[in-house]
Structures are given as C-alpha cells and as structure tokens.
C-alpha cells in the first residue's frame, strides 16, 4: 500500500536538534541550538507562517548528525541544515520555509553523521 497525504496538517516542519550530552561529547546544545530554535520560532510567527497549513517549528532530541552540528532538518523535503548564526536561520526561514527554495550553502554534507 502506498500512503500519500494530499492534505498535510502542516506544509513544512523544521526540527532543531537540542540534544545535550553530559559526557562532554560534541552536541548541538553546546552550539547555540536553543537560541536558534527560539529565533526561528519568532521569525516564523512574525512572518505569519505559523499554524495549520503552514510551518511548525519543533524541538528534537538527538538527530544523530552531531559532527555536522548544530543541525536542523526540514520536512517533508528531508533537507538537513547546518547553521552558524541568526542570519543563517533568517535565510532558512525566508528561502526554504516561506518560499520552498533550499539554501544550498547551508545544507549539511551527507557524509556527516555522529
């Protein structure tokens, strides 16, 4: 059976890894992930992109891409991003979440895992 959702509740989801490791291993929480999440959520709301039929900004635990961190992933496209600052988040919001265009310069290299 093929499952196809022709009427998704949200057009896009962005998940931010906010995982924090207690053993001093690299993790997204040590690299400003919470601030990036908060900024993204505020930007999505400010642009009127939040809510059913639009965009949902979610927290996530470990997404297992630690060596590329901090990371976020946008669905349904499955595009992984590595970001550095608020300007990167603004670009993801404007280009991908609002206009559906991938920000190529911020795409996490596919070989980077944990």
N, C-alpha and C. Protein backbone atom coordinates (compact mmCIF):
# COMPACT_ATOMS: atom_id res chain seq x y z
N UNK A 1 0.83 -1.17 0.00
CA UNK A 1 0.00 0.00 0.00
C UNK A 1 0.88 1.24 0.00
N UNK A 2 0.53 2.20 -0.81
CA UNK A 2 1.24 3.48 -0.87
C UNK A 2 0.44 4.50 -0.06
N UNK A 3 1.15 5.23 0.77
CA UNK A 3 0.50 6.26 1.56
C UNK A 3 0.89 7.61 1.00
N UNK A 4 -0.09 8.40 0.66
CA UNK A 4 0.16 9.74 0.14
C UNK A 4 -0.78 10.70 0.84
N UNK A 5 -0.21 11.67 1.52
CA UNK A 5 -1.01 12.65 2.23
C UNK A 5 -1.16 13.87 1.32
N UNK A 6 -2.31 14.02 0.74
CA UNK A 6 -2.54 15.12 -0.18
C UNK A 6 -3.00 16.39 0.55
N UNK A 7 -3.27 16.28 1.84
CA UNK A 7 -3.71 17.42 2.62
C UNK A 7 -3.01 17.42 3.98
N UNK A 8 -1.71 17.70 3.99
CA UNK A 8 -0.98 17.64 5.26
C UNK A 8 -1.42 18.75 6.22
N UNK A 9 -1.35 18.45 7.51
CA UNK A 9 -1.74 19.43 8.52
C UNK A 9 -0.81 20.64 8.49
N UNK A 10 0.50 20.38 8.32
CA UNK A 10 1.49 21.44 8.15
C UNK A 10 2.16 21.27 6.79
N UNK A 11 2.41 22.39 6.13
CA UNK A 11 3.12 22.34 4.84
C UNK A 11 4.57 21.92 5.05
N UNK A 12 5.18 22.45 6.11
CA UNK A 12 6.57 22.11 6.44
C UNK A 12 6.77 22.05 7.94
N UNK A 13 7.67 21.17 8.35
CA UNK A 13 8.15 21.09 9.73
C UNK A 13 9.65 21.35 9.71
N UNK A 14 10.13 22.11 10.68
CA UNK A 14 11.58 22.20 10.88
C UNK A 14 11.85 21.72 12.29
N UNK A 15 12.75 20.75 12.40
CA UNK A 15 13.13 20.17 13.68
C UNK A 15 14.56 20.60 14.01
N UNK A 16 14.75 21.16 15.19
CA UNK A 16 16.06 21.56 15.67
C UNK A 16 16.55 20.56 16.68
N UNK A 17 17.75 20.01 16.46
CA UNK A 17 18.36 19.15 17.47
C UNK A 17 18.76 20.04 18.65
N UNK A 18 18.25 19.72 19.83
CA UNK A 18 18.59 20.45 21.05
C UNK A 18 19.27 19.52 22.05
N UNK A 19 19.77 18.40 21.55
CA UNK A 19 20.35 17.40 22.43
C UNK A 19 21.56 17.94 23.19
N UNK A 20 21.63 17.56 24.46
CA UNK A 20 22.75 17.93 25.31
C UNK A 20 23.38 16.67 25.87
N UNK A 21 24.65 16.50 25.61
CA UNK A 21 25.38 15.33 26.12
C UNK A 21 26.09 15.70 27.41
N UNK A 22 25.99 14.83 28.38
CA UNK A 22 26.57 15.08 29.70
C UNK A 22 28.05 14.72 29.79
N UNK A 23 28.58 13.98 28.83
CA UNK A 23 29.95 13.47 28.91
C UNK A 23 30.95 14.29 28.10
N UNK A 24 30.62 15.56 27.84
CA UNK A 24 31.49 16.49 27.10
C UNK A 24 31.69 16.13 25.63
N UNK A 25 30.88 15.22 25.09
CA UNK A 25 30.91 14.96 23.65
C UNK A 25 30.26 16.15 22.95
N UNK A 26 30.67 16.38 21.72
CA UNK A 26 30.06 17.46 20.94
C UNK A 26 28.56 17.24 20.82
N UNK A 27 27.82 18.33 20.96
CA UNK A 27 26.37 18.24 20.81
C UNK A 27 25.83 19.60 20.38
N UNK A 28 24.65 19.58 19.81
CA UNK A 28 24.05 20.81 19.29
C UNK A 28 23.75 21.81 20.39
N UNK A 29 23.39 21.34 21.58
CA UNK A 29 23.07 22.25 22.69
C UNK A 29 24.25 23.15 23.04
N UNK A 30 25.47 22.66 22.86
CA UNK A 30 26.67 23.44 23.17
C UNK A 30 26.96 24.50 22.10
N UNK A 31 26.20 24.45 21.00
CA UNK A 31 26.49 25.33 19.86
C UNK A 31 25.35 26.30 19.55
N UNK A 32 24.59 26.66 20.56
CA UNK A 32 23.55 27.67 20.38
C UNK A 32 22.26 27.20 19.76
N UNK A 33 21.97 25.90 19.87
CA UNK A 33 20.77 25.36 19.23
C UNK A 33 19.48 25.92 19.83
N UNK A 34 19.43 26.11 21.14
CA UNK A 34 18.20 26.64 21.75
C UNK A 34 17.92 28.05 21.26
N UNK A 35 18.95 28.87 21.19
CA UNK A 35 18.78 30.24 20.70
C UNK A 35 18.32 30.25 19.24
N UNK A 36 18.87 29.34 18.44
CA UNK A 36 18.47 29.26 17.04
C UNK A 36 17.01 28.83 16.92
N UNK A 37 16.62 27.85 17.72
CA UNK A 37 15.23 27.40 17.75
C UNK A 37 14.30 28.56 18.11
N UNK A 38 14.63 29.26 19.19
CA UNK A 38 13.80 30.38 19.65
C UNK A 38 13.70 31.46 18.57
N UNK A 39 14.82 31.76 17.92
CA UNK A 39 14.83 32.77 16.87
C UNK A 39 13.97 32.33 15.68
N UNK A 40 14.11 31.09 15.27
CA UNK A 40 13.34 30.57 14.14
C UNK A 40 11.85 30.64 14.45
N UNK A 41 11.47 30.20 15.63
CA UNK A 41 10.06 30.22 16.03
C UNK A 41 9.50 31.64 15.98
N UNK A 42 10.27 32.60 16.49
CA UNK A 42 9.85 34.00 16.48
C UNK A 42 9.71 34.53 15.06
N UNK A 43 10.67 34.19 14.19
CA UNK A 43 10.64 34.65 12.80
C UNK A 43 9.44 34.07 12.05
N UNK A 44 9.19 32.78 12.25
CA UNK A 44 8.06 32.13 11.58
C UNK A 44 6.75 32.80 12.01
N UNK A 45 6.61 33.08 13.30
CA UNK A 45 5.41 33.77 13.79
C UNK A 45 5.32 35.18 13.23
N UNK A 46 6.43 35.92 13.25
CA UNK A 46 6.44 37.31 12.78
C UNK A 46 6.05 37.42 11.31
N UNK A 47 6.42 36.42 10.52
CA UNK A 47 6.10 36.43 9.09
C UNK A 47 4.73 35.84 8.78
N UNK A 48 4.01 35.43 9.82
CA UNK A 48 2.68 34.85 9.62
C UNK A 48 2.70 33.48 9.00
N UNK A 49 3.79 32.75 9.21
CA UNK A 49 3.93 31.42 8.61
C UNK A 49 3.54 30.28 9.55
N UNK A 50 3.23 30.60 10.81
CA UNK A 50 2.95 29.57 11.81
C UNK A 50 1.50 29.10 11.72
N UNK A 51 1.29 27.84 12.08
CA UNK A 51 -0.06 27.33 12.22
C UNK A 51 -0.44 26.30 11.18
N UNK A 52 -1.63 25.72 11.36
CA UNK A 52 -2.11 24.69 10.44
C UNK A 52 -2.05 25.15 8.99
N UNK A 53 -1.58 24.24 8.13
CA UNK A 53 -1.44 24.55 6.72
C UNK A 53 -0.18 25.30 6.38
N UNK A 54 0.59 25.64 7.38
CA UNK A 54 1.80 26.42 7.16
C UNK A 54 3.02 25.71 7.73
N UNK A 55 3.72 26.34 8.67
CA UNK A 55 5.00 25.83 9.19
C UNK A 55 4.91 25.56 10.68
N UNK A 56 5.55 24.49 11.11
CA UNK A 56 5.67 24.15 12.52
C UNK A 56 7.15 24.07 12.86
N UNK A 57 7.58 24.76 13.92
CA UNK A 57 8.96 24.73 14.40
C UNK A 57 8.97 23.83 15.64
N UNK A 58 9.77 22.75 15.58
CA UNK A 58 9.78 21.76 16.65
C UNK A 58 11.17 21.55 17.23
N UNK A 59 11.18 21.18 18.52
CA UNK A 59 12.40 20.74 19.19
C UNK A 59 12.55 19.25 18.94
N UNK A 60 13.79 18.81 18.90
CA UNK A 60 14.06 17.38 18.77
C UNK A 60 15.21 17.01 19.69
N UNK A 61 15.24 15.76 20.07
CA UNK A 61 16.40 15.23 20.76
C UNK A 61 17.47 14.96 19.73
N UNK A 62 18.38 14.08 20.02
CA UNK A 62 19.49 13.80 19.12
C UNK A 62 18.99 13.35 17.75
N UNK A 63 19.47 14.02 16.71
CA UNK A 63 19.15 13.65 15.34
C UNK A 63 20.29 12.86 14.70
N UNK A 64 21.32 12.56 15.49
CA UNK A 64 22.43 11.69 15.08
C UNK A 64 23.27 12.25 13.93
N UNK A 65 23.39 13.57 13.87
CA UNK A 65 24.25 14.22 12.88
C UNK A 65 25.22 15.15 13.61
N UNK A 66 25.68 14.73 14.78
CA UNK A 66 26.46 15.56 15.70
C UNK A 66 27.68 16.22 15.05
N UNK A 67 28.37 15.50 14.19
CA UNK A 67 29.58 16.07 13.61
C UNK A 67 29.28 17.20 12.63
N UNK A 68 28.02 17.39 12.26
CA UNK A 68 27.63 18.49 11.39
C UNK A 68 26.94 19.61 12.15
N UNK A 69 26.89 19.47 13.47
CA UNK A 69 26.07 20.36 14.29
C UNK A 69 26.55 21.78 14.40
N UNK A 70 25.65 22.64 14.78
CA UNK A 70 24.25 22.34 15.10
C UNK A 70 23.45 22.11 13.83
N UNK A 71 22.44 21.24 13.94
CA UNK A 71 21.66 20.87 12.76
C UNK A 71 20.17 21.07 12.98
N UNK A 72 19.49 21.25 11.86
CA UNK A 72 18.03 21.27 11.80
C UNK A 72 17.65 20.55 10.50
N UNK A 73 16.46 19.98 10.47
CA UNK A 73 16.01 19.28 9.28
C UNK A 73 14.59 19.76 8.95
N UNK A 74 14.35 19.98 7.65
CA UNK A 74 13.05 20.44 7.17
C UNK A 74 12.36 19.30 6.44
N UNK A 75 11.13 19.02 6.86
CA UNK A 75 10.29 18.02 6.20
C UNK A 75 9.05 18.71 5.63
N UNK A 76 8.50 18.24 4.51
CA UNK A 76 8.64 16.88 4.01
C UNK A 76 9.84 16.67 3.09
N UNK A 77 10.60 17.72 2.78
CA UNK A 77 11.71 17.57 1.83
C UNK A 77 12.87 16.75 2.37
N UNK A 78 13.04 16.71 3.70
CA UNK A 78 14.16 15.98 4.28
C UNK A 78 15.49 16.67 4.06
N UNK A 79 15.50 17.99 4.07
CA UNK A 79 16.72 18.77 3.85
C UNK A 79 17.35 19.09 5.20
N UNK A 80 18.61 18.71 5.35
CA UNK A 80 19.37 18.93 6.58
C UNK A 80 20.20 20.20 6.45
N UNK A 81 20.16 21.01 7.50
CA UNK A 81 20.93 22.25 7.52
C UNK A 81 21.87 22.30 8.70
N UNK A 82 23.05 22.87 8.45
CA UNK A 82 23.98 23.27 9.49
C UNK A 82 24.01 24.79 9.46
N UNK A 83 23.85 25.40 10.62
CA UNK A 83 23.77 26.86 10.68
C UNK A 83 24.79 27.39 11.68
N UNK A 84 25.08 28.68 11.58
CA UNK A 84 26.06 29.29 12.47
C UNK A 84 25.43 30.38 13.34
N UNK A 85 24.56 31.18 12.73
CA UNK A 85 24.04 32.34 13.47
C UNK A 85 22.60 32.65 13.06
N UNK A 86 22.07 33.74 13.62
CA UNK A 86 20.69 34.14 13.34
C UNK A 86 20.48 34.48 11.87
N UNK A 87 21.50 35.01 11.22
CA UNK A 87 21.38 35.33 9.79
C UNK A 87 21.14 34.06 8.97
N UNK A 88 21.79 32.96 9.36
CA UNK A 88 21.56 31.68 8.68
C UNK A 88 20.12 31.22 8.89
N UNK A 89 19.63 31.35 10.12
CA UNK A 89 18.25 30.96 10.42
C UNK A 89 17.28 31.83 9.61
N UNK A 90 17.54 33.12 9.56
CA UNK A 90 16.68 34.02 8.78
C UNK A 90 16.63 33.59 7.31
N UNK A 91 17.77 33.18 6.78
CA UNK A 91 17.82 32.75 5.38
C UNK A 91 17.04 31.45 5.17
N UNK A 92 17.14 30.53 6.11
CA UNK A 92 16.36 29.28 6.01
C UNK A 92 14.87 29.58 6.07
N UNK A 93 14.47 30.45 6.98
CA UNK A 93 13.05 30.81 7.11
C UNK A 93 12.55 31.45 5.82
N UNK A 94 13.24 32.46 5.35
CA UNK A 94 12.79 33.20 4.16
C UNK A 94 12.83 32.35 2.89
N UNK A 95 13.95 31.68 2.68
CA UNK A 95 14.12 30.94 1.43
C UNK A 95 13.35 29.62 1.44
N UNK A 96 13.58 28.78 2.44
CA UNK A 96 13.00 27.43 2.42
C UNK A 96 11.60 27.38 3.02
N UNK A 97 11.46 27.86 4.26
CA UNK A 97 10.16 27.71 4.91
C UNK A 97 9.08 28.57 4.26
N UNK A 98 9.43 29.75 3.81
CA UNK A 98 8.45 30.64 3.19
C UNK A 98 8.29 30.38 1.69
N UNK A 99 9.44 30.23 0.98
CA UNK A 99 9.39 30.18 -0.48
C UNK A 99 9.73 28.83 -1.11
N UNK A 100 10.05 27.83 -0.29
CA UNK A 100 10.29 26.49 -0.81
C UNK A 100 11.59 26.30 -1.55
N UNK A 101 12.56 27.20 -1.36
CA UNK A 101 13.86 27.09 -2.03
C UNK A 101 14.93 26.68 -1.02
N UNK A 102 15.63 25.61 -1.31
CA UNK A 102 16.70 25.11 -0.44
C UNK A 102 17.85 26.10 -0.40
N UNK A 103 18.41 26.31 0.78
CA UNK A 103 19.58 27.18 0.95
C UNK A 103 20.80 26.28 0.81
N UNK A 104 21.29 26.14 -0.41
CA UNK A 104 22.35 25.18 -0.73
C UNK A 104 23.60 25.35 0.13
N UNK A 105 23.99 26.59 0.40
CA UNK A 105 25.24 26.82 1.14
C UNK A 105 25.17 26.32 2.59
N UNK A 106 23.97 26.09 3.10
CA UNK A 106 23.82 25.63 4.48
C UNK A 106 23.46 24.15 4.60
N UNK A 107 23.34 23.47 3.47
CA UNK A 107 22.99 22.05 3.51
C UNK A 107 24.13 21.26 4.17
N UNK A 108 23.75 20.42 5.13
CA UNK A 108 24.72 19.58 5.84
C UNK A 108 25.27 18.54 4.86
N UNK A 109 26.59 18.44 4.73
CA UNK A 109 27.15 17.41 3.84
C UNK A 109 26.64 16.02 4.24
N UNK A 110 26.22 15.25 3.24
CA UNK A 110 25.55 13.98 3.53
C UNK A 110 26.44 12.96 4.25
N UNK A 111 27.76 13.10 4.19
CA UNK A 111 28.63 12.14 4.85
C UNK A 111 28.77 12.38 6.36
N UNK A 112 28.31 13.54 6.83
CA UNK A 112 28.46 13.86 8.26
C UNK A 112 27.37 13.18 9.08
N UNK A 113 27.81 12.34 9.99
CA UNK A 113 26.89 11.66 10.89
C UNK A 113 27.23 12.01 12.31
N UNK A 114 27.27 11.00 13.13
CA UNK A 114 27.58 11.22 14.53
C UNK A 114 29.07 11.28 14.72
